[in-house]
Amino acid sequence: MGSIVLEKVSKEFGGLKVIPGIDLTVSDGEFVVFVGPSGCGKSTLLRLIAGLEDTSGGRILIDGADMTQTPPAQRALSMVFQSYALYPHMSVYGNIAFPLKMAGRDKAAIDKKVRDAAATLNLTDYLERKPGQLSGGQRQRVAIGRAIVREPRAFLFDEPLSNLDAALRVNMRIEISELHQVLKTTMIYVTHDQVEAMTMADKIVVLNKGNIEQVGSPLDLYRTPANRFVAGFIGSPRMNFIDGAEAQKYGAASIGIRPEHLRLSQVEGSWRGKVDLSEHLGSDTFLRLEVPGIGPITARTTGEFTAERGGQIFLTPDETKIHRFGVDGKAVS
């Protein structure tokens, strides 16, 4: 079991409210991602759940029990940090076994759990190595293995891939997702990278200035963002926003259209733009255009589409994919 419920949870630092008061339910076995810009409160919220920070108000329930005042070690949660925090003088085996030894488990039980975790994480061949002999991805897997052997109610990941290069990030993203499928254990994962959020989560929690802007599945947030903040944060490249007369045609203070929802043509379309930048990525081409009366627009099209800087391109938005927002920034139905 690993359900986690937050009831009006808040946090203040020196009189400054960084978490004004959050209600949230994480169901048993869910993979939930906290996402938002730097300083939005996502890591603080994770630390409140872990018990590494004291709440200023509200309750934290784990499997129905009030754990708000319970010490971290008694919450049966395992946290994996951005830094691997491995003991350099210990082998991989010793690092993974460490929490079990501290808990006084017998030698046979420790050995089985360590070897089972190593097999799950493809670390069996590295058990006798020291952390300094491992790659960054392997070291992060050791840190995850140390968390696995504790058999926690839930795993808490605080930006675990931030120190890895781009290729390793993709690999580890896949490995953590596959691990969730194998273990079926609740996971809460903090990241500022919306691509990680979209590809890994069952449910995304978008945070901004300590508040929850929206909770939903990746596709829910992509298709029906609750406001301009969510619309601009979810999706890559980010959504185009248009104010003024063009938005008023749609009965809104502003409208949004994603780069992939623009049809491009050399000969005709709703808007005409001048190409400022063309980025060819093989399967895709991203164009940055300046459209008179509208402003800068980013368009996404096929890799075969060619356009020269300074050239004229016509754009036509998919009318069914235009998002409308009111003066308060909230989505207009």
Foldseek 3Di string as FASTA:
>chain_A
DWKKWWFQWWADDPNRTQARGDTDIFDWLFEEEEAEDPSLCPVVVLCQQLQVDQTPDTFMATPRHTCNPPHNVPQQEAEQEQDLPFDQVAFLLCRLLVVVVVVVHDPVLSVVLLCVLCVLLVNNVRRGPGPVVDDLLVSSSSSVSSRVSSVGQEYEYEANCPPDDPVSSVVVLVSVLVVSVVSSHHYYHYDNDLVSVLVRGQKYFYGGSNYTQDIDHLVCLQQPPFFPRSQQSHDPPGWDKWADPVLVVVVARIKTARQAQKDKDQPDADWKWFWQDWDQDQQKIWTWTQTPPTGIDIHIDGNVDDDDHRGMMHIYGDVVRMWGAHPVRGTDD
